[in-house]
Protein backbone atom coordinates (compact mmCIF):
# COMPACT_ATOMS: atom_id res chain seq x y z
CA MET A 1 -41.42 95.18 88.21
CA GLU A 2 -41.38 94.63 84.55
CA ASP A 3 -40.21 98.15 84.02
CA LEU A 4 -37.45 97.69 86.49
CA ARG A 5 -36.30 94.51 84.78
CA ALA A 6 -36.33 96.28 81.42
CA LYS A 7 -34.19 99.07 82.70
CA ILE A 8 -31.77 96.58 84.27
CA ARG A 9 -31.47 94.77 80.92
CA GLU A 10 -30.85 98.10 79.19
CA LEU A 11 -28.20 98.96 81.76
CA GLU A 12 -26.60 95.53 81.34
CA GLN A 13 -26.57 96.02 77.57
CA GLU A 14 -24.99 99.45 77.92
CA ILE A 15 -22.44 98.04 80.35
CA GLU A 16 -21.66 95.26 77.87
CA VAL A 17 -21.20 97.84 75.05
CA LEU A 18 -18.99 99.90 77.29
CA GLN A 19 -16.99 96.85 78.22
CA ARG A 20 -16.57 95.97 74.57
CA GLN A 21 -15.51 99.55 73.86
CA ASN A 22 -13.07 99.51 76.76
CA ARG A 23 -11.64 96.20 75.58
CA HIS A 24 -11.24 97.71 72.10
CA ILE A 25 -9.61 100.87 73.49
CA LEU A 26 -7.36 98.77 75.68
CA GLU A 27 -6.41 96.57 72.78
CA HIS A 28 -5.69 99.65 70.63
CA ALA A 29 -3.63 101.21 73.43
CA VAL A 30 -1.66 98.02 73.83
CA HIS A 31 -1.11 97.90 70.09
CA GLU A 32 0.01 101.54 70.01
CA LYS A 33 2.27 100.86 72.98
CA LYS A 34 3.81 97.94 71.15
CA GLU A 35 4.17 100.09 68.04
CA LEU A 36 5.84 102.86 70.05
CA GLU A 37 8.06 100.35 71.81
CA TYR A 38 8.96 98.90 68.41
CA LEU A 39 9.76 102.33 67.00
CA VAL A 40 11.78 103.24 70.08
CA ASN A 41 13.67 99.97 69.93
CA LYS A 42 14.12 100.44 66.20
CA ALA A 43 15.42 103.99 66.70
CA LYS A 44 17.76 102.81 69.43
CA LEU A 45 18.88 99.96 67.22
CA TYR A 46 19.64 102.34 64.34
CA PHE A 47 21.16 104.89 66.72
CA ASN A 48 23.41 102.35 68.39
CA SER A 49 24.22 100.38 65.23
CA SER A 50 25.32 103.38 63.18
CA ASP A 51 28.96 103.46 62.07
CA LEU A 52 28.94 107.11 63.15
CA ALA A 53 29.40 108.10 66.75
CA TYR A 54 26.56 110.29 68.06
CA PHE A 55 26.32 112.39 71.16
CA VAL A 56 23.60 114.80 72.34
CA LEU A 57 24.39 118.02 74.24
CA ASP A 58 22.12 120.06 76.45
CA HIS A 59 22.20 123.84 76.64
CA GLN A 60 25.13 123.65 79.09
CA GLN A 61 27.18 121.60 76.63
CA ARG A 62 26.90 118.48 78.73
CA ILE A 63 26.52 115.08 77.14
CA VAL A 64 23.02 113.71 77.79
CA ASP A 65 23.01 110.79 75.37
CA VAL A 66 25.44 108.75 73.25
CA ASN A 67 25.30 105.67 71.04
CA LYS A 68 27.37 102.52 71.32
CA THR A 69 29.63 103.58 68.47
CA PHE A 70 30.56 106.67 70.50
CA CYS A 71 31.45 104.54 73.50
CA THR A 72 33.51 102.21 71.32
CA LEU A 73 35.29 105.12 69.60
CA PHE A 74 36.07 107.14 72.73
CA GLY A 75 36.49 104.23 75.17
CA TYR A 76 33.91 105.45 77.69
CA SER A 77 31.02 103.48 79.14
CA ASN A 78 27.55 104.93 78.87
CA GLU A 79 27.48 105.78 82.56
CA GLU A 80 30.93 107.44 82.44
CA VAL A 81 30.10 109.77 79.63
CA LEU A 82 26.61 110.94 80.63
CA PHE A 83 26.64 114.54 81.90
CA LEU A 84 30.33 114.82 81.01
CA HIS A 85 31.16 118.28 79.69
CA VAL A 86 32.03 118.16 76.00
CA ASN A 87 35.29 120.08 76.52
CA GLN A 88 36.73 116.82 77.93
CA LEU A 89 36.64 115.39 74.42
CA PHE A 90 38.92 118.07 72.93
CA THR A 91 42.71 117.76 73.13
CA THR A 92 43.20 121.40 74.21
CA SER A 93 41.04 124.09 75.71
CA ARG A 94 41.98 126.37 72.82
CA ARG A 95 40.41 123.99 70.31
CA TYR A 96 37.26 123.74 72.41
CA GLU A 97 37.05 127.52 72.72
CA LYS A 98 37.39 127.85 68.97
CA TRP A 99 34.58 125.35 68.51
CA TRP A 100 32.40 127.12 71.09
CA ASN A 101 33.05 130.65 69.86
CA THR A 102 32.48 129.67 66.24
CA HIS A 103 29.10 127.91 66.71
CA PHE A 104 27.48 128.76 70.04
CA LYS A 105 28.64 132.09 71.45
CA GLU A 106 26.29 134.19 69.38
CA GLY A 107 23.36 131.84 70.09
CA THR A 108 22.49 131.53 66.41
CA PHE A 109 23.56 127.93 66.00
CA GLN A 110 21.26 125.84 63.81
CA SER A 111 23.55 123.40 62.05
CA ALA A 112 27.20 122.77 61.14
CA SER A 113 28.91 120.36 58.81
CA ASN A 114 32.33 119.16 57.71
CA LEU A 115 34.08 120.42 60.84
CA GLU A 116 37.49 118.88 61.51
CA TYR A 117 38.86 118.78 65.07
CA CYS A 118 41.36 116.71 66.97
CA PHE A 119 39.64 114.72 69.79
CA ARG A 120 41.00 112.81 72.77
CA LYS A 121 39.90 109.35 73.88
CA LYS A 122 39.62 108.13 77.46
CA SER A 123 43.04 106.54 76.96
CA HIS A 124 44.36 110.02 76.04
CA ARG A 125 45.11 108.89 72.50
CA THR A 126 44.16 111.51 69.96
CA PHE A 127 42.50 111.24 66.56
CA TRP A 128 41.06 113.50 63.93
CA ALA A 129 37.29 113.60 63.59
CA GLU A 130 34.78 115.08 61.19
CA LEU A 131 31.71 116.67 62.91
CA PHE A 132 28.17 117.28 61.74
CA GLY A 133 25.81 119.07 64.17
CA LYS A 134 22.20 120.17 64.27
CA LYS A 135 19.97 121.98 66.79
CA ILE A 136 16.92 120.02 68.06
CA VAL A 137 14.10 120.66 70.61
CA ASP A 138 12.82 117.87 72.87
CA ASN A 139 10.05 118.65 75.39
CA GLN A 140 10.87 122.30 75.09
CA ARG A 141 14.51 121.55 75.84
CA SER A 142 17.12 123.03 73.47
CA LEU A 143 19.50 120.28 72.49
CA SER A 144 22.11 119.64 69.77
CA ILE A 145 22.99 116.33 68.25
CA TRP A 146 26.46 115.67 66.79
CA SER A 147 27.84 112.91 64.60
CA VAL A 148 31.53 112.00 64.78
CA ARG A 149 33.48 110.19 62.07
CA ASP A 150 37.08 109.07 62.60
CA ILE A 151 39.05 110.60 59.70
CA SER A 152 42.56 109.98 61.05
CA LEU A 153 43.46 107.88 58.02
CA ARG A 154 42.10 110.55 55.69
CA VAL A 155 44.02 113.32 57.48
CA LYS A 156 47.16 111.19 57.53
CA SER A 157 46.79 110.51 53.83
CA ARG A 158 46.10 114.16 53.18
CA ASN A 159 49.14 115.19 55.20
CA THR A 160 51.24 112.61 53.37
CA ILE A 161 49.99 113.94 50.05
CA ALA A 162 50.73 117.48 51.19
CA LYS A 163 54.25 116.46 52.18
CA LEU A 164 54.70 114.69 48.87
CA ASN A 165 53.41 117.73 47.06
CA LEU A 166 55.92 119.89 48.90
CA LYS A 167 58.63 117.37 48.07
CA TYR A 168 57.58 117.23 44.42
CA GLN A 169 57.37 121.00 44.26
CA GLN A 170 60.90 121.21 45.65
CA GLN A 171 62.05 118.61 43.13
CA LEU A 172 60.24 120.53 40.40
CA ARG A 173 62.00 123.73 41.47
CA ASP A 174 65.31 121.82 41.45
CA ILE A 175 64.54 120.48 37.97
CA GLU A 176 63.61 123.96 36.77
CA ALA A 177 66.88 125.29 38.22
CA VAL A 178 68.77 122.57 36.34
CA LEU A 179 66.83 123.33 33.16
CA ASP A 180 67.64 127.02 33.49
CA ILE A 181 71.35 126.22 33.69
CA ILE A 182 71.24 124.20 30.45
CA PRO A 183 72.24 126.58 27.63
CA VAL A 184 69.92 124.99 25.06
CA PRO A 185 66.11 125.38 24.93
CA VAL A 186 64.32 122.55 26.80
CA PHE A 187 60.53 122.11 26.96
CA ILE A 188 57.99 119.69 28.47
CA LYS A 189 54.55 119.02 26.94
CA ASP A 190 51.59 117.17 28.44
CA LYS A 191 49.45 114.59 26.63
CA ASN A 192 47.45 117.41 25.03
CA PHE A 193 50.69 118.99 23.70
CA ARG A 194 50.50 122.02 25.99
CA TYR A 195 53.73 123.42 27.40
CA ILE A 196 53.89 122.57 31.11
CA GLY A 197 57.58 123.30 31.63
CA CYS A 198 60.50 124.98 29.89
CA SER A 199 64.02 126.26 30.46
CA ARG A 200 65.21 129.86 30.56
CA ALA A 201 66.95 129.39 27.19
CA PHE A 202 63.60 128.34 25.68
CA CYS A 203 61.93 131.54 26.96
CA GLU A 204 64.83 133.68 25.75
CA TYR A 205 64.61 132.16 22.27
CA PHE A 206 60.98 133.35 21.96
CA GLY A 207 61.47 136.54 24.00
CA LEU A 208 58.72 135.52 26.43
CA SER A 209 58.45 134.94 30.17
CA LYS A 210 57.79 131.47 31.55
CA GLU A 211 54.25 132.50 32.53
CA GLN A 212 53.59 133.50 28.91
CA VAL A 213 54.74 130.08 27.66
CA LEU A 214 53.15 127.64 30.12
CA GLY A 215 49.75 126.41 29.02
CA LYS A 216 50.34 127.45 25.41
CA THR A 217 50.68 125.19 22.34
CA ALA A 218 52.93 125.30 19.29
CA PHE A 219 50.20 127.24 17.47
CA ASP A 220 50.69 130.10 19.95
CA LEU A 221 54.46 130.30 19.42
CA TYR A 222 55.21 129.31 15.81
CA PRO A 223 53.89 130.37 12.37
CA ILE A 224 50.86 128.32 11.38
CA GLU A 225 52.61 126.21 8.73
CA ILE A 226 55.45 125.33 11.12
CA ALA A 227 52.98 124.70 13.97
CA ASN A 228 51.06 122.24 11.77
CA ARG A 229 54.24 120.30 11.03
CA LEU A 230 55.20 120.26 14.72
CA TYR A 231 51.70 119.07 15.67
CA GLU A 232 51.94 116.18 13.20
CA ARG A 233 55.29 115.23 14.70
CA ASP A 234 53.84 115.50 18.22
CA LEU A 235 51.08 113.04 17.29
CA GLU A 236 53.73 110.49 16.33
CA MET A 237 55.01 110.54 19.93
CA HIS A 238 51.98 108.42 20.94
CA GLU A 239 53.71 105.50 19.26
CA ARG A 240 57.37 106.47 19.41
CA ASN A 241 59.73 106.45 22.38
CA PHE A 242 62.26 108.83 20.84
CA GLN A 243 62.23 111.26 17.93
CA VAL A 244 64.80 113.41 16.10
CA TYR A 245 64.08 115.68 13.13
CA LYS A 246 64.95 119.05 11.62
CA VAL A 247 62.73 122.03 10.86
CA THR A 248 63.47 125.34 9.17
CA THR A 249 61.65 128.38 10.55
CA ILE A 250 62.04 132.10 11.28
CA ALA A 251 63.64 133.03 14.61
CA PRO A 252 61.07 135.16 16.51
CA LEU A 253 63.63 137.74 17.70
CA THR A 254 66.15 138.04 14.85
CA LYS A 255 63.60 137.33 12.08
CA GLN A 256 66.34 135.30 10.38
CA GLU A 257 65.81 131.88 8.86
CA VAL A 258 67.19 129.18 11.16
CA THR A 259 67.40 125.40 11.08
CA LEU A 260 66.49 123.64 14.33
CA GLU A 261 67.19 120.04 15.28
CA ILE A 262 64.43 118.83 17.63
CA GLN A 263 64.85 115.82 19.92
CA LYS A 264 61.96 114.42 21.99
CA LYS A 265 61.60 111.65 24.62
CA GLN A 266 58.25 110.05 25.45
CA MET A 267 56.84 110.12 29.02
CA MET A 268 54.51 107.34 30.25
CA ARG A 269 52.32 107.23 33.38
CA GLY A 270 50.43 104.10 34.35
CA GLY A 271 51.27 102.55 31.00
CA LYS A 272 49.65 105.43 29.10
CA PHE A 273 51.11 108.31 27.10
CA ASP A 274 51.49 111.37 29.34
CA GLY A 275 53.46 113.80 27.16
CA PHE A 276 57.14 114.20 26.33
CA VAL A 277 60.24 116.24 27.09
CA GLY A 278 62.08 117.87 24.22
CA VAL A 279 65.05 120.01 23.30
CA PHE A 280 65.95 121.91 20.15
CA ILE A 281 69.36 123.07 18.94
CA ASP A 282 70.10 125.82 16.43
CA ILE A 283 72.19 124.02 13.78
CA THR A 284 72.02 126.76 11.16
CA GLN A 285 75.80 127.25 11.09
CA SER A 286 76.41 123.51 11.18
CA GLU A 287 74.05 123.06 8.24
CA LYS A 288 75.85 125.81 6.35
CA GLN A 289 79.22 124.23 7.13
CA GLU A 290 77.93 120.82 6.10
CA GLN A 291 76.58 122.28 2.86
CA TYR A 292 79.89 124.07 2.34
CA LEU A 293 81.81 120.83 2.91
CA GLN A 294 79.52 118.97 0.54
CA ASN A 295 80.05 121.65 -2.09
CA ARG A 296 83.81 121.53 -1.48
CA ILE A 297 83.79 117.74 -1.79
CA ARG A 298 81.80 118.05 -5.01
CA GLU A 299 84.25 120.65 -6.30
CA GLU A 300 87.24 118.49 -5.36
CA VAL A 301 85.66 115.48 -7.06
CA ASP A 302 85.04 117.57 -10.16
CA LYS A 303 88.63 118.84 -10.04
CA ASN A 304 89.97 115.34 -9.64
CA LEU A 305 87.89 114.17 -12.59
CA GLN A 306 89.16 117.11 -14.64
CA MET A 307 92.74 116.44 -13.56
CA GLN A 308 92.32 112.79 -14.45
CA ALA A 309 91.05 113.80 -17.88
CA ILE A 310 93.93 116.28 -18.23
CA TYR A 311 96.48 113.68 -17.17
CA GLN A 312 95.04 111.25 -19.68
CA GLU A 313 95.24 113.96 -22.31
CA GLU A 314 98.78 114.74 -21.11
CA MET A 315 99.72 111.08 -21.52
CA ILE A 316 98.36 111.12 -25.05
CA ARG A 317 100.22 114.37 -25.72
CA ASN A 318 103.40 112.88 -24.27
CA ALA A 319 102.98 109.90 -26.52
CA LYS A 320 102.62 112.28 -29.48
CA PHE A 321 105.64 114.28 -28.32
CA SER A 322 107.58 111.06 -27.94
CA ALA A 323 106.73 110.13 -31.51
CA ILE A 324 107.54 113.64 -32.69
CA GLY A 325 110.79 113.47 -30.73
CA GLN A 326 111.72 110.26 -32.46
CA MET A 327 110.88 111.87 -35.80
CA ALA A 328 112.88 114.98 -34.81
CA ALA A 329 115.85 112.80 -33.86
CA GLY A 330 115.73 111.20 -37.29
CA ILE A 331 115.27 114.52 -39.06
CA THR A 332 118.15 116.18 -37.18
CA HIS A 333 120.34 113.21 -38.03
CA GLU A 334 119.41 113.47 -41.69
CA ILE A 335 119.98 117.25 -41.66
CA ASN A 336 123.23 116.97 -39.71
CA THR A 337 124.97 114.76 -42.31
CA PRO A 338 124.53 117.05 -45.36
CA LEU A 339 124.99 120.11 -43.09
CA THR A 340 128.41 118.81 -42.07
CA TYR A 341 129.25 118.22 -45.75
CA VAL A 342 128.04 121.70 -46.73
CA LYS A 343 129.88 123.35 -43.84
CA GLY A 344 133.16 121.59 -44.64
CA ASN A 345 133.04 122.34 -48.37
CA PHE A 346 131.97 125.94 -47.73
CA GLU A 347 134.98 126.47 -45.46
CA MET A 348 137.24 125.10 -48.21
CA LEU A 349 135.52 127.44 -50.72
CA VAL A 350 136.16 130.42 -48.51
CA GLU A 351 139.83 129.44 -48.23
CA ASP A 352 140.07 129.08 -52.02
CA ILE A 353 138.55 132.53 -52.52
CA ALA A 354 141.01 134.03 -50.07
CA THR A 355 143.96 132.22 -51.65
CA TYR A 356 143.43 132.25 -55.39
CA MET A 357 141.41 135.36 -56.12
CA MET A 358 143.30 138.57 -56.67
CA ASP A 359 142.64 141.49 -54.36
CA SER A 360 139.71 143.42 -55.71
CA PRO A 361 136.43 144.92 -54.53
CA ARG A 362 134.69 141.77 -55.82
CA LYS A 363 136.88 139.50 -53.62
CA ASN A 364 136.15 141.53 -50.51
CA LEU A 365 132.42 141.47 -51.27
CA MET A 366 132.49 137.67 -51.74
CA ILE A 367 134.36 137.17 -48.44
CA LYS A 368 131.80 139.39 -46.64
CA ASP A 369 128.91 137.39 -48.13
CA ALA A 370 130.66 134.14 -47.26
CA ARG A 371 130.88 135.17 -43.58
CA THR A 372 127.15 135.92 -43.57
CA ILE A 373 126.42 132.50 -45.06
CA GLN A 374 128.77 130.86 -42.54
CA ASP A 375 126.90 132.55 -39.67
CA GLY A 376 123.66 131.14 -41.03
CA ILE A 377 125.15 127.65 -41.31
CA GLU A 378 126.42 127.82 -37.72
CA ARG A 379 123.00 129.00 -36.54
CA ILE A 380 121.37 126.04 -38.31
CA GLU A 381 123.95 123.82 -36.65
CA ARG A 382 123.08 125.14 -33.18
CA ILE A 383 119.34 124.71 -33.82
CA VAL A 384 119.92 121.15 -34.97
CA GLU A 385 122.06 120.49 -31.89
CA THR A 386 119.33 121.85 -29.60
CA MET A 387 116.69 119.75 -31.34
CA ARG A 388 118.92 116.70 -31.05
CA GLU A 389 119.38 117.23 -27.32
CA ALA A 390 115.67 117.86 -26.77
CA SER A 391 114.75 114.70 -28.69
CA GLN A 392 116.97 112.47 -26.58
CA LYS A 393 115.18 109.86 -24.47
CA SER A 394 114.10 111.30 -21.11
CA ARG A 395 115.90 110.06 -18.04
CA GLU A 396 114.00 109.75 -14.77
CA GLN A 397 117.13 109.47 -12.61
CA LYS A 398 118.84 112.60 -11.35
CA GLU A 399 122.28 113.61 -12.63
CA ASN A 400 124.72 116.45 -12.18
CA VAL A 401 124.07 118.99 -14.94
CA ASN A 402 124.72 122.67 -15.63
CA LEU A 403 121.40 124.36 -14.93
CA TYR A 404 122.45 127.20 -17.26
CA GLU A 405 122.63 124.77 -20.22
CA LEU A 406 119.10 123.50 -19.47
CA LEU A 407 117.86 127.10 -19.40
CA LEU A 408 119.51 127.83 -22.79
CA SER A 409 117.90 124.77 -24.36
CA SER A 410 114.43 125.80 -23.11
CA LEU A 411 114.89 129.40 -24.33
CA ALA A 412 116.01 128.09 -27.73
CA LEU A 413 112.92 125.86 -28.00
CA SER A 414 110.67 128.83 -27.14
CA TYR A 415 112.62 131.34 -29.24
CA ASN A 416 110.50 131.04 -32.37
CA ARG A 417 107.42 132.17 -30.36
CA SER A 418 109.13 134.56 -27.93
CA LYS A 419 110.81 136.68 -30.62
CA GLN A 420 107.34 137.50 -32.01
CA ILE A 421 106.14 138.79 -28.61
CA VAL A 422 109.03 140.32 -26.65
CA ALA A 423 112.73 141.11 -26.74
CA LEU A 424 113.73 138.50 -24.16
CA THR A 425 116.94 139.12 -22.19
CA LEU A 426 119.16 136.60 -20.42
CA ASN A 427 121.42 138.03 -17.73
CA ASP A 428 120.81 141.54 -19.12
CA LYS A 429 121.66 140.55 -22.74
CA VAL A 430 119.17 140.13 -25.55
CA PHE A 431 118.85 136.40 -26.15
CA ASP A 432 119.82 134.92 -29.53
CA PHE A 433 121.66 131.83 -30.67
CA ASN A 434 125.10 133.40 -30.22
CA TYR A 435 125.60 132.09 -26.70
CA GLN A 436 128.21 129.99 -24.98
CA LYS A 437 126.99 127.13 -22.78
CA SER A 438 130.12 127.35 -20.66
CA GLU A 439 129.67 131.07 -19.91
CA TYR A 440 128.05 130.16 -16.55
CA SER A 441 128.36 127.02 -14.48
CA PHE A 442 125.60 126.13 -11.96
CA ILE A 443 125.95 122.40 -11.27
CA CYS A 444 122.83 120.83 -9.70
CA CYS A 445 121.64 117.22 -9.29
CA VAL A 446 118.25 117.17 -11.08
CA GLN A 447 116.20 115.35 -13.71
CA LYS A 448 117.33 117.12 -16.84
CA GLN A 449 114.34 117.14 -19.16
CA ARG A 450 111.79 117.61 -16.35
CA ILE A 451 113.56 120.81 -15.29
CA GLU A 452 113.50 121.98 -18.92
CA GLN A 453 109.72 121.46 -18.76
CA VAL A 454 109.55 123.82 -15.74
CA TRP A 455 111.35 126.60 -17.70
CA VAL A 456 109.00 126.13 -20.68
CA ILE A 457 105.88 126.32 -18.43
CA ILE A 458 107.03 129.59 -16.79
CA LEU A 459 108.09 131.11 -20.16
CA ASN A 460 104.80 130.25 -21.86
CA ASN A 461 102.77 131.72 -18.94
CA ALA A 462 104.74 134.97 -19.22
CA LEU A 463 104.31 135.13 -23.01
CA ASP A 464 100.55 134.48 -22.65
CA GLU A 465 100.25 137.56 -20.43
CA LEU A 466 102.66 139.81 -22.38
CA ILE A 467 100.79 139.31 -25.64
CA LYS A 468 97.85 141.19 -24.03
CA ILE A 469 99.98 144.38 -24.17
CA GLU A 470 99.42 145.94 -27.60
CA SER A 471 102.81 147.59 -28.16
CA PHE A 472 105.84 145.32 -28.69
CA GLU A 473 108.18 148.02 -27.39
CA LYS A 474 106.33 148.19 -24.05
CA ARG A 475 106.81 144.51 -23.31
CA SER A 476 109.73 143.13 -21.31
CA LEU A 477 110.80 139.71 -20.09
CA HIS A 478 114.06 139.35 -18.15
CA VAL A 479 115.64 136.03 -17.20
CA LYS A 480 118.52 135.97 -14.73
CA THR A 481 120.67 133.28 -13.15
CA PHE A 482 122.82 133.84 -10.08
CA LYS A 483 124.14 132.17 -6.94
CA GLU A 484 122.75 132.96 -3.48
CA ASP A 485 123.48 131.23 -0.16
CA GLY A 486 124.72 128.00 -1.72
CA GLN A 487 121.86 127.87 -4.20
CA VAL A 488 121.33 128.78 -7.81
CA VAL A 489 118.41 131.11 -8.49
CA VAL A 490 116.67 131.30 -11.86
CA GLN A 491 114.44 134.37 -12.03
CA PHE A 492 111.75 135.22 -14.61
CA LYS A 493 110.37 138.77 -14.45
CA ASP A 494 107.81 140.38 -16.80
CA ASN A 495 105.82 143.62 -16.87
CA ALA A 496 102.40 142.14 -17.75
CA GLY A 497 100.56 143.60 -14.74
CA GLY A 498 101.33 140.96 -12.13
CA ILE A 499 99.28 138.21 -10.51
CA ASP A 500 95.81 138.91 -9.10
CA GLU A 501 96.27 139.41 -5.35
CA LYS A 502 93.19 137.23 -4.67
CA ILE A 503 94.76 134.13 -6.19
CA LEU A 504 98.43 134.90 -5.46
CA PRO A 505 98.46 132.78 -2.25
CA ARG A 506 96.95 129.88 -4.23
CA ILE A 507 98.82 130.37 -7.52
CA PHE A 508 100.41 126.91 -7.35
CA GLU A 509 97.16 125.09 -6.49
CA PRO A 510 95.42 123.09 -9.24
CA PHE A 511 92.89 124.96 -11.39
CA GLU A 512 93.98 128.43 -10.24
CA SER A 513 94.41 130.48 -13.40
CA THR A 514 94.06 134.09 -14.60
CA LYS A 515 93.79 133.08 -18.24
CA GLU A 516 90.44 133.89 -19.78
CA SER A 517 90.62 132.00 -23.05
CA SER A 518 93.01 129.12 -22.44
CA GLY A 519 94.59 127.03 -19.72
CA ILE A 520 92.95 125.37 -16.75
CA GLY A 521 95.53 126.22 -14.10
CA ILE A 522 97.55 123.01 -13.62
CA GLY A 523 100.81 124.09 -15.34
CA LEU A 524 102.28 125.86 -12.30
CA ASN A 525 101.09 123.04 -10.03
CA ILE A 526 103.01 120.56 -12.21
CA ALA A 527 106.03 122.88 -12.23
CA GLN A 528 105.94 123.09 -8.40
CA GLN A 529 105.74 119.31 -8.06
CA ILE A 530 108.73 118.84 -10.43
CA VAL A 531 110.82 121.46 -8.60
CA ARG A 532 110.09 119.95 -5.16
CA GLN A 533 110.75 116.42 -6.38
CA ASN A 534 114.20 117.67 -7.44
CA GLY A 535 114.94 119.26 -4.06
CA GLY A 536 114.14 122.86 -5.01
CA GLU A 537 111.58 125.54 -4.25
CA ILE A 538 109.55 127.83 -6.50
CA PHE A 539 108.20 131.26 -5.45
CA ALA A 540 105.89 133.82 -7.03
CA TYR A 541 105.36 137.49 -6.18
CA ASN A 542 104.57 140.82 -7.80
CA GLU A 543 107.12 143.55 -8.41
CA ASP A 544 107.25 146.69 -10.63
CA ASN A 545 103.83 146.07 -12.22
CA GLY A 546 104.78 142.54 -13.17
CA ALA A 547 105.05 138.96 -11.98
CA VAL A 548 108.27 137.39 -10.71
CA PHE A 549 108.89 133.64 -10.55
CA GLU A 550 112.00 132.37 -8.83
CA VAL A 551 113.25 128.78 -8.81
CA HIS A 552 115.90 127.80 -6.25
CA PHE A 553 118.04 124.64 -6.44
CA PRO A 554 120.90 123.62 -4.14
CA LEU A 555 124.30 123.65 -5.81
CA VAL A 556 126.43 120.51 -5.91
CA LYS A 557 129.73 120.87 -4.05
CA GLU A 558 132.72 121.51 -6.35
CA LEU A 559 134.40 118.25 -5.33
CA ASP A 560 131.38 116.42 -6.69
CA HIS A 561 131.44 118.19 -10.06
CA GLU A 562 131.57 115.91 -13.03
CA PHE A 563 132.54 117.42 -16.38
């Protein structure tokens, strides 16, 4: 019995151990169940709480599982969508077929990403979605799980950007067309000073195509020293809204030195410097013209200063001449008194010789000598008379005078010099003091002594040129006076070689002169001003290897003559 009881106790103990083991196994199974339930619930929670829509497809492309986000996105309930063929989600059968043929037809599908398709909701509204798919195996079943993200806003934005890009490209083409029409070189640089746009004229200046210019910098187009200067100027555009400056460089095609004026306007984007647009103009000719004008202005200023100095000197000379004239008037008066006494007594002496001396060779010789002396006295008398007239006070008002008399006075004053240089002729007769003032009458209303100054200026110019001819016999100077079309013409003609053709059109301008050693070229300008102020005209031309000066004055009508 004892043995039996011992075995029962052993069995009870084993049963108790087994019970404890079973309780432990049961507790572990319950714990594992709870863990699995927790993981399943957690997976479902994550699956359903994801912001991505998920759906699972079987091998027949039917939907076997979805998350809540899918139902919310597509508008289906869970029961409505289960075992629904996936082609119902696509907007067209063609899009579904493309999706199927691309990923499943060959049976090699493993995964796909970044697919964009247009889907349809239960409400038939469409939207763009981004798909990510992957092949999975569950209980030996071949499945595929897909995530769906609504990218309608992204696609809309992308389409808007694409439309804007097309619009901007069209605007850019329009701007380029406008730039190409502009005849001056235009260029656009970015913030790194690379050319991002240019006109046709800009390309033509460098002899390059637009493709060869875009993306380049000034260092690719200009000599290094010019490029450095342009780069320094470009840097200033960070702080300046507008810029204008000049640069001298070598034109790439003509290899000629040119001066360019460059103008640039700053471009800003988001408040930051984003480059600039510029234009340059070839102002080489303008610069030359400006330099020419500056030189001309400088020359005119110098001429005016010289003329002012000459006029001041002329005023001093006139003052001296006025003093000399006053002295000459006194001297001629002093000479005239004893000359009249000598002339009168000499005439009485000649009469006494003719009356009281007997006829003899000696008497005839004395009468011959007396006539020679009388000629000399009369010549002195004419010289004194000319000096007296020349020393009279100058009148500024015009008066009716015989132009021929004024010409005779001027020739007489110049006679002492002219007879040493040339045998001067007046109206085809050799000039001397045996002339008659009344031989010709050309009455004009002029300023007497100022017109005499004109004759002296023209005579002295002719004598200055004639003296260059070595032989006296080869020199000639002819003065003529005649009427023509209601005017009197006084003509001076020499054979001194004529006026240089280069300065002939400007012979009456100030400082135009052919004299090498004297004269500054204002005499003829003064003569022209005097002639015009007195209603006349003066002309100059070349003829028969000599110069011809003609002065024309209108004649006074005979009824107005005053004698």
